[in-house]
Amino acid sequence: MRNLCRNLLGAAALVSLAACSTTPRPSFSTEAAPSVDLAQYTTYSWAFPRPGGGNPFVYERVQKAMDASLAQAGYRQVAEGQGDMELAFTLGARDKVDVTNWGPVGAYYPGYGMNYRYGWAYQYNQVDVRNVTEGSMALDVFDAETDRPIWHGIAEARIGSTDSPSDALIQSAVQGLVDRFAAASGK
């Protein structure tokens, strides 16, 4: 009985630690061309194999993660210009000001709470202002024959101020985009 309790407590601790993950979760938005059957596309190549600007090491990590996720979803990479579809991705970051107004705090009755005085205490607003950096990863899919866009997806998440996002964040964003594309194509 003692071992069972110890095992249950250990499992609960592991679940609690997993829930406290510090990797931000991206939010996703997608759009597909309404008249295109995405299920017909099975092979791909990169439209821009070497994107310019930005950190080339991050681009390389993202492209490798995309290739692995697409292969896992059943898509096959072929030589440039030989696929059913061409893929392109872009990375970006922007600084935002995040303002949270917690609303009025007070009034306090004398003898209770903060700012005790004779009579009522004053009201004040609690406002938090933070500068945050939001990163985005967009995946665009084009029909290789017509060069028309057939699918667009974007992942956005708060990132640190470093120039290089974590591998866990890259994998989460890539996997989310590829999963949504595969679901739209019925895979």
C-alpha atoms as a PDB file:
ATOM      1  CA  MET A   1       0.000   0.000   0.000  1.00  0.00           C
ATOM      2  CA  ARG A   2       2.847   2.341   0.868  1.00  0.00           C
ATOM      3  CA  ASN A   3       4.516   1.677  -2.513  1.00  0.00           C
ATOM      4  CA  LEU A   4       1.251   2.381  -4.326  1.00  0.00           C
ATOM      5  CA  CYS A   5       0.919   5.765  -2.605  1.00  0.00           C
ATOM      6  CA  ARG A   6       4.560   6.587  -3.337  1.00  0.00           C
ATOM      7  CA  ASN A   7       4.116   5.660  -7.021  1.00  0.00           C
ATOM      8  CA  LEU A   8       0.936   7.718  -7.306  1.00  0.00           C
ATOM      9  CA  LEU A   9       2.625  10.732  -5.717  1.00  0.00           C
ATOM     10  CA  GLY A  10       5.596  10.333  -8.055  1.00  0.00           C
ATOM     11  CA  ALA A  11       3.317  10.155 -11.092  1.00  0.00           C
ATOM     12  CA  ALA A  12       1.410  13.234  -9.913  1.00  0.00           C
ATOM     13  CA  ALA A  13       4.689  15.122  -9.504  1.00  0.00           C
ATOM     14  CA  LEU A  14       5.774  14.211 -13.052  1.00  0.00           C
ATOM     15  CA  VAL A  15       2.438  15.322 -14.489  1.00  0.00           C
ATOM     16  CA  SER A  16       2.711  18.597 -12.571  1.00  0.00           C
ATOM     17  CA  LEU A  17       6.216  19.222 -13.914  1.00  0.00           C
ATOM     18  CA  ALA A  18       5.099  18.486 -17.464  1.00  0.00           C
ATOM     19  CA  ALA A  19       2.239  20.962 -17.088  1.00  0.00           C
ATOM     20  CA  CYS A  20       4.702  23.674 -16.039  1.00  0.00           C
ATOM     21  CA  SER A  21       6.510  23.636 -19.378  1.00  0.00           C
ATOM     22  CA  THR A  22       8.099  26.964 -20.210  1.00  0.00           C
ATOM     23  CA  THR A  23       7.838  26.565 -23.988  1.00  0.00           C
ATOM     24  CA  PRO A  24       5.180  28.972 -25.262  1.00  0.00           C
ATOM     25  CA  ARG A  25       2.382  27.394 -27.263  1.00  0.00           C
ATOM     26  CA  PRO A  26       1.861  28.934 -30.681  1.00  0.00           C
ATOM     27  CA  SER A  27      -1.524  30.022 -31.948  1.00  0.00           C
ATOM     28  CA  PHE A  28      -2.394  29.038 -35.507  1.00  0.00           C
ATOM     29  CA  SER A  29      -4.471  30.401 -38.358  1.00  0.00           C
ATOM     30  CA  THR A  30      -4.838  28.806 -41.783  1.00  0.00           C
ATOM     31  CA  GLU A  31      -6.550  29.378 -45.091  1.00  0.00           C
ATOM     32  CA  ALA A  32      -6.934  27.097 -48.112  1.00  0.00           C
ATOM     33  CA  ALA A  33      -7.930  27.812 -51.695  1.00  0.00           C
ATOM     34  CA  PRO A  34     -11.616  26.863 -51.838  1.00  0.00           C
ATOM     35  CA  SER A  35     -11.626  25.143 -55.229  1.00  0.00           C
ATOM     36  CA  VAL A  36      -8.467  23.054 -54.807  1.00  0.00           C
ATOM     37  CA  ASP A  37      -8.366  19.395 -53.743  1.00  0.00           C
ATOM     38  CA  LEU A  38      -5.300  19.292 -51.495  1.00  0.00           C
ATOM     39  CA  ALA A  39      -5.351  15.476 -51.405  1.00  0.00           C
ATOM     40  CA  GLN A  40      -3.880  15.322 -54.927  1.00  0.00           C
ATOM     41  CA  TYR A  41      -0.550  16.774 -53.743  1.00  0.00           C
ATOM     42  CA  THR A  42       2.030  14.259 -52.523  1.00  0.00           C
ATOM     43  CA  THR A  43       5.471  15.637 -53.466  1.00  0.00           C
ATOM     44  CA  TYR A  44       7.089  18.977 -52.747  1.00  0.00           C
ATOM     45  CA  SER A  45      10.168  21.062 -53.307  1.00  0.00           C
ATOM     46  CA  TRP A  46      11.270  24.320 -51.745  1.00  0.00           C
ATOM     47  CA  ALA A  47      10.481  27.464 -53.729  1.00  0.00           C
ATOM     48  CA  PHE A  48      13.313  29.373 -52.034  1.00  0.00           C
ATOM     49  CA  PRO A  49      15.904  26.855 -50.850  1.00  0.00           C
ATOM     50  CA  ARG A  50      18.089  29.558 -49.290  1.00  0.00           C
ATOM     51  CA  PRO A  51      16.076  32.494 -47.967  1.00  0.00           C
ATOM     52  CA  GLY A  52      17.941  35.758 -47.551  1.00  0.00           C
ATOM     53  CA  GLY A  53      18.157  37.855 -44.408  1.00  0.00           C
ATOM     54  CA  GLY A  54      17.741  36.729 -40.839  1.00  0.00           C
ATOM     55  CA  ASN A  55      19.713  34.110 -38.985  1.00  0.00           C
ATOM     56  CA  PRO A  56      20.717  31.354 -41.470  1.00  0.00           C
ATOM     57  CA  PHE A  57      21.078  28.795 -38.665  1.00  0.00           C
ATOM     58  CA  VAL A  58      17.458  29.317 -37.582  1.00  0.00           C
ATOM     59  CA  TYR A  59      16.283  28.961 -41.195  1.00  0.00           C
ATOM     60  CA  GLU A  60      18.232  25.718 -41.490  1.00  0.00           C
ATOM     61  CA  ARG A  61      16.722  24.337 -38.261  1.00  0.00           C
ATOM     62  CA  VAL A  62      13.212  25.269 -39.405  1.00  0.00           C
ATOM     63  CA  GLN A  63      13.676  23.715 -42.853  1.00  0.00           C
ATOM     64  CA  LYS A  64      15.017  20.463 -41.365  1.00  0.00           C
ATOM     65  CA  ALA A  65      12.088  20.333 -38.937  1.00  0.00           C
ATOM     66  CA  MET A  66       9.653  20.971 -41.825  1.00  0.00           C
ATOM     67  CA  ASP A  67      11.225  18.221 -43.946  1.00  0.00           C
ATOM     68  CA  ALA A  68      11.003  15.723 -41.075  1.00  0.00           C
ATOM     69  CA  SER A  69       7.394  16.640 -40.219  1.00  0.00           C
ATOM     70  CA  LEU A  70       6.293  16.545 -43.859  1.00  0.00           C
ATOM     71  CA  ALA A  71       7.932  13.126 -44.343  1.00  0.00           C
ATOM     72  CA  GLN A  72       6.168  11.856 -41.238  1.00  0.00           C
ATOM     73  CA  ALA A  73       2.856  13.139 -42.660  1.00  0.00           C
ATOM     74  CA  GLY A  74       3.441  11.196 -45.899  1.00  0.00           C
ATOM     75  CA  TYR A  75       4.828  13.880 -48.217  1.00  0.00           C
ATOM     76  CA  ARG A  76       7.950  13.219 -50.270  1.00  0.00           C
ATOM     77  CA  GLN A  77      10.592  15.826 -51.039  1.00  0.00           C
ATOM     78  CA  VAL A  78      11.878  15.861 -54.620  1.00  0.00           C
ATOM     79  CA  ALA A  79      14.415  17.919 -56.558  1.00  0.00           C
ATOM     80  CA  GLU A  80      13.719  21.608 -57.036  1.00  0.00           C
ATOM     81  CA  GLY A  81      10.976  22.180 -59.607  1.00  0.00           C
ATOM     82  CA  GLN A  82       9.940  18.489 -59.738  1.00  0.00           C
ATOM     83  CA  GLY A  83       7.200  18.406 -57.067  1.00  0.00           C
ATOM     84  CA  ASP A  84       3.423  18.771 -57.188  1.00  0.00           C
ATOM     85  CA  MET A  85       3.720  21.727 -54.851  1.00  0.00           C
ATOM     86  CA  GLU A  86       6.303  24.298 -53.879  1.00  0.00           C
ATOM     87  CA  LEU A  87       6.720  25.413 -50.296  1.00  0.00           C
ATOM     88  CA  ALA A  88       8.044  28.633 -48.836  1.00  0.00           C
ATOM     89  CA  PHE A  89       8.266  29.774 -45.245  1.00  0.00           C
ATOM     90  CA  THR A  90       8.989  33.115 -43.659  1.00  0.00           C
ATOM     91  CA  LEU A  91      10.041  33.997 -40.138  1.00  0.00           C
ATOM     92  CA  GLY A  92       9.490  37.269 -38.369  1.00  0.00           C
ATOM     93  CA  ALA A  93       9.412  38.979 -35.002  1.00  0.00           C
ATOM     94  CA  ARG A  94       7.866  42.186 -33.767  1.00  0.00           C
ATOM     95  CA  ASP A  95       7.829  44.003 -30.476  1.00  0.00           C
ATOM     96  CA  LYS A  96       4.479  44.727 -28.879  1.00  0.00           C
ATOM     97  CA  VAL A  97       3.302  46.524 -25.778  1.00  0.00           C
ATOM     98  CA  ASP A  98       1.011  44.333 -23.689  1.00  0.00           C
ATOM     99  CA  VAL A  99      -1.256  46.271 -21.310  1.00  0.00           C
ATOM    100  CA  THR A 100      -3.369  44.542 -18.662  1.00  0.00           C
ATOM    101  CA  ASN A 101      -5.814  46.614 -16.629  1.00  0.00           C
ATOM    102  CA  TRP A 102      -6.808  44.695 -13.531  1.00  0.00           C
ATOM    103  CA  GLY A 103      -9.617  47.150 -12.787  1.00  0.00           C
ATOM    104  CA  PRO A 104     -10.283  49.296  -9.755  1.00  0.00           C
ATOM    105  CA  VAL A 105      -9.098  48.129  -6.375  1.00  0.00           C
ATOM    106  CA  GLY A 106     -10.792  49.601  -3.287  1.00  0.00           C
ATOM    107  CA  ALA A 107     -12.656  51.238  -1.612  1.00  0.00           C
ATOM    108  CA  TYR A 108     -11.779  49.773   1.739  1.00  0.00           C
ATOM    109  CA  TYR A 109     -13.828  50.160   4.855  1.00  0.00           C
ATOM    110  CA  PRO A 110     -11.848  51.651   7.744  1.00  0.00           C
ATOM    111  CA  GLY A 111     -10.094  49.041   9.752  1.00  0.00           C
ATOM    112  CA  TYR A 112      -9.836  46.593   6.854  1.00  0.00           C
ATOM    113  CA  GLY A 113      -7.371  46.242   4.029  1.00  0.00           C
ATOM    114  CA  MET A 114      -4.663  48.502   2.690  1.00  0.00           C
ATOM    115  CA  ASN A 115      -4.318  52.239   3.203  1.00  0.00           C
ATOM    116  CA  TYR A 116      -6.275  52.332   6.430  1.00  0.00           C
ATOM    117  CA  ARG A 117      -7.531  55.799   7.255  1.00  0.00           C
ATOM    118  CA  TYR A 118     -10.371  57.336   9.095  1.00  0.00           C
ATOM    119  CA  GLY A 119     -13.143  57.107   6.534  1.00  0.00           C
ATOM    120  CA  TRP A 120     -12.955  55.363   3.191  1.00  0.00           C
ATOM    121  CA  ALA A 121      -9.681  54.560   1.425  1.00  0.00           C
ATOM    122  CA  TYR A 122      -9.132  55.779  -2.126  1.00  0.00           C
ATOM    123  CA  GLN A 123      -9.669  53.695  -5.251  1.00  0.00           C
ATOM    124  CA  TYR A 124      -6.882  53.059  -7.729  1.00  0.00           C
ATOM    125  CA  ASN A 125      -6.347  50.999 -10.870  1.00  0.00           C
ATOM    126  CA  GLN A 126      -3.732  48.292 -11.147  1.00  0.00           C
ATOM    127  CA  VAL A 127      -2.249  48.406 -14.668  1.00  0.00           C
ATOM    128  CA  ASP A 128       0.608  46.228 -15.904  1.00  0.00           C
ATOM    129  CA  VAL A 129       2.555  47.304 -18.999  1.00  0.00           C
ATOM    130  CA  ARG A 130       5.050  44.880 -20.567  1.00  0.00           C
ATOM    131  CA  ASN A 131       7.117  44.876 -23.737  1.00  0.00           C
ATOM    132  CA  VAL A 132       6.880  41.476 -25.428  1.00  0.00           C
ATOM    133  CA  THR A 133       8.352  40.032 -28.614  1.00  0.00           C
ATOM    134  CA  GLU A 134       5.976  38.014 -30.765  1.00  0.00           C
ATOM    135  CA  GLY A 135       7.455  35.654 -33.327  1.00  0.00           C
ATOM    136  CA  SER A 136       5.696  34.315 -36.392  1.00  0.00           C
ATOM    137  CA  MET A 137       6.315  31.495 -38.845  1.00  0.00           C
ATOM    138  CA  ALA A 138       4.310  31.394 -42.062  1.00  0.00           C
ATOM    139  CA  LEU A 139       4.125  28.415 -44.411  1.00  0.00           C
ATOM    140  CA  ASP A 140       2.893  29.034 -47.948  1.00  0.00           C
ATOM    141  CA  VAL A 141       2.093  26.196 -50.341  1.00  0.00           C
ATOM    142  CA  PHE A 142       1.847  26.805 -54.099  1.00  0.00           C
ATOM    143  CA  ASP A 143       0.735  24.596 -56.969  1.00  0.00           C
ATOM    144  CA  ALA A 144       3.994  23.895 -58.830  1.00  0.00           C
ATOM    145  CA  GLU A 145       2.355  23.895 -62.254  1.00  0.00           C
ATOM    146  CA  THR A 146       0.284  27.085 -61.975  1.00  0.00           C
ATOM    147  CA  ASP A 147       2.248  28.966 -59.253  1.00  0.00           C
ATOM    148  CA  ARG A 148      -1.069  29.749 -57.544  1.00  0.00           C
ATOM    149  CA  PRO A 149      -1.280  29.662 -53.742  1.00  0.00           C
ATOM    150  CA  ILE A 150      -3.236  26.687 -52.430  1.00  0.00           C
ATOM    151  CA  TRP A 151      -2.683  26.907 -48.656  1.00  0.00           C
ATOM    152  CA  HIS A 152      -1.371  29.405 -46.113  1.00  0.00           C
ATOM    153  CA  GLY A 153      -0.718  28.847 -42.432  1.00  0.00           C
ATOM    154  CA  ILE A 154       0.797  31.009 -39.745  1.00  0.00           C
ATOM    155  CA  ALA A 155       1.984  30.193 -36.228  1.00  0.00           C
ATOM    156  CA  GLU A 156       2.501  32.964 -33.680  1.00  0.00           C
ATOM    157  CA  ALA A 157       3.952  32.814 -30.179  1.00  0.00           C
ATOM    158  CA  ARG A 158       5.678  35.024 -27.673  1.00  0.00           C
ATOM    159  CA  ILE A 159       9.399  34.502 -27.875  1.00  0.00           C
ATOM    160  CA  GLY A 160      12.293  35.708 -25.807  1.00  0.00           C
ATOM    161  CA  SER A 161      14.421  38.625 -26.860  1.00  0.00           C
ATOM    162  CA  THR A 162      17.141  36.331 -28.186  1.00  0.00           C
ATOM    163  CA  ASP A 163      17.887  36.041 -31.875  1.00  0.00           C
ATOM    164  CA  SER A 164      17.425  32.271 -31.827  1.00  0.00           C
ATOM    165  CA  PRO A 165      14.157  30.596 -30.728  1.00  0.00           C
ATOM    166  CA  SER A 166      14.345  27.294 -28.875  1.00  0.00           C
ATOM    167  CA  ASP A 167      14.236  23.978 -30.712  1.00  0.00           C
ATOM    168  CA  ALA A 168      11.096  23.057 -28.764  1.00  0.00           C
ATOM    169  CA  LEU A 169       9.291  26.193 -29.974  1.00  0.00           C
ATOM    170  CA  ILE A 170      10.400  25.619 -33.575  1.00  0.00           C
ATOM    171  CA  GLN A 171       9.251  21.994 -33.439  1.00  0.00           C
ATOM    172  CA  SER A 172       5.912  22.953 -31.897  1.00  0.00           C
ATOM    173  CA  ALA A 173       5.217  25.593 -34.560  1.00  0.00           C
ATOM    174  CA  VAL A 174       6.354  23.392 -37.467  1.00  0.00           C
ATOM    175  CA  GLN A 175       4.414  20.352 -36.264  1.00  0.00           C
ATOM    176  CA  GLY A 176       1.279  22.443 -35.771  1.00  0.00           C
ATOM    177  CA  LEU A 177       1.477  23.904 -39.284  1.00  0.00           C
ATOM    178  CA  VAL A 178       2.185  20.552 -40.958  1.00  0.00           C
ATOM    179  CA  ASP A 179      -0.590  18.838 -38.963  1.00  0.00           C
ATOM    180  CA  ARG A 180      -3.078  21.489 -40.085  1.00  0.00           C
ATOM    181  CA  PHE A 181      -1.981  21.202 -43.720  1.00  0.00           C
ATOM    182  CA  ALA A 182      -2.227  17.399 -43.611  1.00  0.00           C
ATOM    183  CA  ALA A 183      -5.687  17.627 -42.011  1.00  0.00           C
ATOM    184  CA  ALA A 184      -6.849  20.047 -44.721  1.00  0.00           C
ATOM    185  CA  SER A 185      -5.675  17.581 -47.374  1.00  0.00           C
ATOM    186  CA  GLY A 186      -7.335  14.617 -45.669  1.00  0.00           C
ATOM    187  CA  LYS A 187      -4.149  12.852 -44.546  1.00  0.00           C
END
